Amino acid sequence: MKQEELANLVGVRRETIGNLEKGRYNPSLVLAWNIAKVFEVTIEEVFTITDED
């Protein structure tokens, strides 16, 4: 799926999806939920939390 397609499905700009992929942006809970719904998976399957020291 192209970034623009996903962005349209979840109601954000394509740049937001690109920044998510590059780790430059942390999604809101609503955005994470919507992305997971598009792919029919859990939020944990799409996003992981890492400790940053």
PDB file of N, CA and C in Angstrom:
ATOM      1  N   MET A   1       0.845  -1.164   0.000  1.00  0.00           N
ATOM      2  CA  MET A   1       0.000   0.000   0.000  1.00  0.00           C
ATOM      3  C   MET A   1       0.899   1.240   0.000  1.00  0.00           C
ATOM      4  N   LYS A   2       0.530   2.206  -0.786  1.00  0.00           N
ATOM      5  CA  LYS A   2       1.297   3.446  -0.856  1.00  0.00           C
ATOM      6  C   LYS A   2       0.973   4.324   0.350  1.00  0.00           C
ATOM      7  N   GLN A   3       1.940   5.168   0.711  1.00  0.00           N
ATOM      8  CA  GLN A   3       1.747   6.079   1.837  1.00  0.00           C
ATOM      9  C   GLN A   3       0.511   6.940   1.648  1.00  0.00           C
ATOM     10  N   GLU A   4       0.316   7.435   0.452  1.00  0.00           N
ATOM     11  CA  GLU A   4      -0.826   8.306   0.188  1.00  0.00           C
ATOM     12  C   GLU A   4      -2.151   7.575   0.389  1.00  0.00           C
ATOM     13  N   GLU A   5      -2.215   6.309  -0.012  1.00  0.00           N
ATOM     14  CA  GLU A   5      -3.438   5.532   0.180  1.00  0.00           C
ATOM     15  C   GLU A   5      -3.753   5.362   1.657  1.00  0.00           C
ATOM     16  N   LEU A   6      -2.730   4.989   2.432  1.00  0.00           N
ATOM     17  CA  LEU A   6      -2.930   4.814   3.873  1.00  0.00           C
ATOM     18  C   LEU A   6      -3.321   6.135   4.514  1.00  0.00           C
ATOM     19  N   ALA A   7      -2.645   7.193   4.140  1.00  0.00           N
ATOM     20  CA  ALA A   7      -2.954   8.515   4.686  1.00  0.00           C
ATOM     21  C   ALA A   7      -4.415   8.882   4.435  1.00  0.00           C
ATOM     22  N   ASN A   8      -4.901   8.639   3.237  1.00  0.00           N
ATOM     23  CA  ASN A   8      -6.301   8.929   2.911  1.00  0.00           C
ATOM     24  C   ASN A   8      -7.258   8.094   3.749  1.00  0.00           C
ATOM     25  N   LEU A   9      -6.909   6.842   3.977  1.00  0.00           N
ATOM     26  CA  LEU A   9      -7.779   5.950   4.745  1.00  0.00           C
ATOM     27  C   LEU A   9      -7.875   6.348   6.214  1.00  0.00           C
ATOM     28  N   VAL A  10      -6.796   6.914   6.762  1.00  0.00           N
ATOM     29  CA  VAL A  10      -6.793   7.253   8.185  1.00  0.00           C
ATOM     30  C   VAL A  10      -6.925   8.750   8.443  1.00  0.00           C
ATOM     31  N   GLY A  11      -7.011   9.549   7.389  1.00  0.00           N
ATOM     32  CA  GLY A  11      -7.283  10.969   7.543  1.00  0.00           C
ATOM     33  C   GLY A  11      -6.107  11.843   7.938  1.00  0.00           C
ATOM     34  N   VAL A  12      -4.917  11.495   7.443  1.00  0.00           N
ATOM     35  CA  VAL A  12      -3.735  12.337   7.692  1.00  0.00           C
ATOM     36  C   VAL A  12      -3.038  12.614   6.369  1.00  0.00           C
ATOM     37  N   ARG A  13      -2.002  13.456   6.418  1.00  0.00           N
ATOM     38  CA  ARG A  13      -1.222  13.740   5.215  1.00  0.00           C
ATOM     39  C   ARG A  13      -0.223  12.629   4.954  1.00  0.00           C
ATOM     40  N   ARG A  14       0.176  12.479   3.700  1.00  0.00           N
ATOM     41  CA  ARG A  14       1.157  11.461   3.334  1.00  0.00           C
ATOM     42  C   ARG A  14       2.450  11.640   4.121  1.00  0.00           C
ATOM     43  N   GLU A  15       2.838  12.879   4.360  1.00  0.00           N
ATOM     44  CA  GLU A  15       4.070  13.161   5.101  1.00  0.00           C
ATOM     45  C   GLU A  15       4.024  12.584   6.512  1.00  0.00           C
ATOM     46  N   THR A  16       2.853  12.571   7.110  1.00  0.00           N
ATOM     47  CA  THR A  16       2.704  12.002   8.450  1.00  0.00           C
ATOM     48  C   THR A  16       3.035  10.515   8.433  1.00  0.00           C
ATOM     49  N   ILE A  17       2.552   9.809   7.429  1.00  0.00           N
ATOM     50  CA  ILE A  17       2.839   8.380   7.318  1.00  0.00           C
ATOM     51  C   ILE A  17       4.342   8.171   7.102  1.00  0.00           C
ATOM     52  N   GLY A  18       4.944   8.978   6.257  1.00  0.00           N
ATOM     53  CA  GLY A  18       6.386   8.876   6.032  1.00  0.00           C
ATOM     54  C   GLY A  18       7.174   9.104   7.308  1.00  0.00           C
ATOM     55  N   ASN A  19       6.765  10.093   8.092  1.00  0.00           N
ATOM     56  CA  ASN A  19       7.450  10.369   9.359  1.00  0.00           C
ATOM     57  C   ASN A  19       7.250   9.247  10.373  1.00  0.00           C
ATOM     58  N   LEU A  20       6.094   8.617  10.357  1.00  0.00           N
ATOM     59  CA  LEU A  20       5.875   7.449  11.214  1.00  0.00           C
ATOM     60  C   LEU A  20       6.835   6.327  10.838  1.00  0.00           C
ATOM     61  N   GLU A  21       6.954   6.072   9.555  1.00  0.00           N
ATOM     62  CA  GLU A  21       7.832   5.000   9.079  1.00  0.00           C
ATOM     63  C   GLU A  21       9.286   5.243   9.444  1.00  0.00           C
ATOM     64  N   LYS A  22       9.687   6.506   9.464  1.00  0.00           N
ATOM     65  CA  LYS A  22      11.077   6.856   9.761  1.00  0.00           C
ATOM     66  C   LYS A  22      11.330   7.032  11.251  1.00  0.00           C
ATOM     67  N   GLY A  23      10.297   6.889  12.070  1.00  0.00           N
ATOM     68  CA  GLY A  23      10.453   7.043  13.505  1.00  0.00           C
ATOM     69  C   GLY A  23      10.576   8.478  13.969  1.00  0.00           C
ATOM     70  N   ARG A  24      10.185   9.410  13.144  1.00  0.00           N
ATOM     71  CA  ARG A  24      10.267  10.832  13.482  1.00  0.00           C
ATOM     72  C   ARG A  24       9.011  11.352  14.172  1.00  0.00           C
ATOM     73  N   TYR A  25       7.989  10.533  14.240  1.00  0.00           N
ATOM     74  CA  TYR A  25       6.700  10.974  14.759  1.00  0.00           C
ATOM     75  C   TYR A  25       6.059   9.822  15.507  1.00  0.00           C
ATOM     76  N   ASN A  26       5.522  10.106  16.686  1.00  0.00           N
ATOM     77  CA  ASN A  26       4.771   9.117  17.448  1.00  0.00           C
ATOM     78  C   ASN A  26       3.285   9.390  17.225  1.00  0.00           C
ATOM     79  N   PRO A  27       2.543   8.385  16.811  1.00  0.00           N
ATOM     80  CA  PRO A  27       1.132   8.604  16.506  1.00  0.00           C
ATOM     81  C   PRO A  27       0.294   8.784  17.764  1.00  0.00           C
ATOM     82  N   SER A  28      -0.799   9.490  17.610  1.00  0.00           N
ATOM     83  CA  SER A  28      -1.783   9.538  18.689  1.00  0.00           C
ATOM     84  C   SER A  28      -2.391   8.140  18.798  1.00  0.00           C
ATOM     85  N   LEU A  29      -3.055   7.895  19.901  1.00  0.00           N
ATOM     86  CA  LEU A  29      -3.706   6.600  20.079  1.00  0.00           C
ATOM     87  C   LEU A  29      -4.763   6.377  19.001  1.00  0.00           C
ATOM     88  N   VAL A  30      -5.488   7.426  18.660  1.00  0.00           N
ATOM     89  CA  VAL A  30      -6.533   7.319  17.629  1.00  0.00           C
ATOM     90  C   VAL A  30      -5.913   6.968  16.278  1.00  0.00           C
ATOM     91  N   LEU A  31      -4.816   7.623  15.916  1.00  0.00           N
ATOM     92  CA  LEU A  31      -4.168   7.324  14.642  1.00  0.00           C
ATOM     93  C   LEU A  31      -3.625   5.902  14.638  1.00  0.00           C
ATOM     94  N   ALA A  32      -2.993   5.487  15.726  1.00  0.00           N
ATOM     95  CA  ALA A  32      -2.476   4.112  15.811  1.00  0.00           C
ATOM     96  C   ALA A  32      -3.617   3.108  15.661  1.00  0.00           C
ATOM     97  N   TRP A  33      -4.735   3.381  16.328  1.00  0.00           N
ATOM     98  CA  TRP A  33      -5.907   2.505  16.244  1.00  0.00           C
ATOM     99  C   TRP A  33      -6.426   2.424  14.806  1.00  0.00           C
ATOM    100  N   ASN A  34      -6.517   3.569  14.145  1.00  0.00           N
ATOM    101  CA  ASN A  34      -7.029   3.598  12.777  1.00  0.00           C
ATOM    102  C   ASN A  34      -6.114   2.866  11.801  1.00  0.00           C
ATOM    103  N   ILE A  35      -4.818   3.012  11.973  1.00  0.00           N
ATOM    104  CA  ILE A  35      -3.877   2.293  11.108  1.00  0.00           C
ATOM    105  C   ILE A  35      -4.010   0.784  11.334  1.00  0.00           C
ATOM    106  N   ALA A  36      -4.088   0.372  12.589  1.00  0.00           N
ATOM    107  CA  ALA A  36      -4.250  -1.049  12.889  1.00  0.00           C
ATOM    108  C   ALA A  36      -5.547  -1.593  12.286  1.00  0.00           C
ATOM    109  N   LYS A  37      -6.615  -0.796  12.346  1.00  0.00           N
ATOM    110  CA  LYS A  37      -7.897  -1.228  11.768  1.00  0.00           C
ATOM    111  C   LYS A  37      -7.789  -1.427  10.259  1.00  0.00           C
ATOM    112  N   VAL A  38      -7.064  -0.544   9.579  1.00  0.00           N
ATOM    113  CA  VAL A  38      -6.899  -0.676   8.131  1.00  0.00           C
ATOM    114  C   VAL A  38      -6.285  -2.031   7.782  1.00  0.00           C
ATOM    115  N   PHE A  39      -5.294  -2.444   8.579  1.00  0.00           N
ATOM    116  CA  PHE A  39      -4.590  -3.697   8.290  1.00  0.00           C
ATOM    117  C   PHE A  39      -5.175  -4.904   9.025  1.00  0.00           C
ATOM    118  N   GLU A  40      -6.256  -4.652   9.797  1.00  0.00           N
ATOM    119  CA  GLU A  40      -6.952  -5.706  10.543  1.00  0.00           C
ATOM    120  C   GLU A  40      -5.997  -6.469  11.464  1.00  0.00           C
ATOM    121  N   VAL A  41      -5.207  -5.709  12.216  1.00  0.00           N
ATOM    122  CA  VAL A  41      -4.283  -6.269  13.205  1.00  0.00           C
ATOM    123  C   VAL A  41      -4.401  -5.448  14.486  1.00  0.00           C
ATOM    124  N   THR A  42      -3.715  -5.894  15.536  1.00  0.00           N
ATOM    125  CA  THR A  42      -3.711  -5.125  16.777  1.00  0.00           C
ATOM    126  C   THR A  42      -2.693  -3.987  16.682  1.00  0.00           C
ATOM    127  N   ILE A  43      -2.860  -2.999  17.532  1.00  0.00           N
ATOM    128  CA  ILE A  43      -1.913  -1.883  17.563  1.00  0.00           C
ATOM    129  C   ILE A  43      -0.508  -2.401  17.836  1.00  0.00           C
ATOM    130  N   GLU A  44      -0.383  -3.371  18.718  1.00  0.00           N
ATOM    131  CA  GLU A  44       0.926  -3.916  19.072  1.00  0.00           C
ATOM    132  C   GLU A  44       1.625  -4.580  17.895  1.00  0.00           C
ATOM    133  N   GLU A  45       0.866  -5.047  16.926  1.00  0.00           N
ATOM    134  CA  GLU A  45       1.476  -5.654  15.736  1.00  0.00           C
ATOM    135  C   GLU A  45       2.036  -4.609  14.779  1.00  0.00           C
ATOM    136  N   VAL A  46       1.583  -3.377  14.910  1.00  0.00           N
ATOM    137  CA  VAL A  46       2.039  -2.303  14.026  1.00  0.00           C
ATOM    138  C   VAL A  46       3.091  -1.449  14.717  1.00  0.00           C
ATOM    139  N   PHE A  47       2.878  -1.146  15.992  1.00  0.00           N
ATOM    140  CA  PHE A  47       3.753  -0.235  16.715  1.00  0.00           C
ATOM    141  C   PHE A  47       4.374  -0.924  17.917  1.00  0.00           C
ATOM    142  N   THR A  48       5.637  -0.618  18.168  1.00  0.00           N
ATOM    143  CA  THR A  48       6.314  -1.105  19.346  1.00  0.00           C
ATOM    144  C   THR A  48       6.888   0.079  20.110  1.00  0.00           C
ATOM    145  N   ILE A  49       7.036  -0.113  21.401  1.00  0.00           N
ATOM    146  CA  ILE A  49       7.611   0.920  22.245  1.00  0.00           C
ATOM    147  C   ILE A  49       9.016   0.475  22.625  1.00  0.00           C
ATOM    148  N   THR A  50       9.972   1.379  22.446  1.00  0.00           N
ATOM    149  CA  THR A  50      11.339   1.085  22.847  1.00  0.00           C
ATOM    150  C   THR A  50      11.782   2.101  23.881  1.00  0.00           C
ATOM    151  N   ASP A  51      12.586   1.640  24.825  1.00  0.00           N
ATOM    152  CA  ASP A  51      13.147   2.556  25.812  1.00  0.00           C
ATOM    153  C   ASP A  51      14.263   3.349  25.194  1.00  0.00           C
ATOM    154  N   GLU A  52      14.185   4.644  25.363  1.00  0.00           N
ATOM    155  CA  GLU A  52      15.261   5.507  24.842  1.00  0.00           C
ATOM    156  C   GLU A  52      16.013   6.060  26.040  1.00  0.00           C
ATOM    157  N   ASP A  53      17.271   5.668  26.164  1.00  0.00           N
ATOM    158  CA  ASP A  53      18.102   6.138  27.287  1.00  0.00           C
ATOM    159  C   ASP A  53      18.849   7.377  26.914  1.00  0.00           C
TER     160      ASP A  53
END
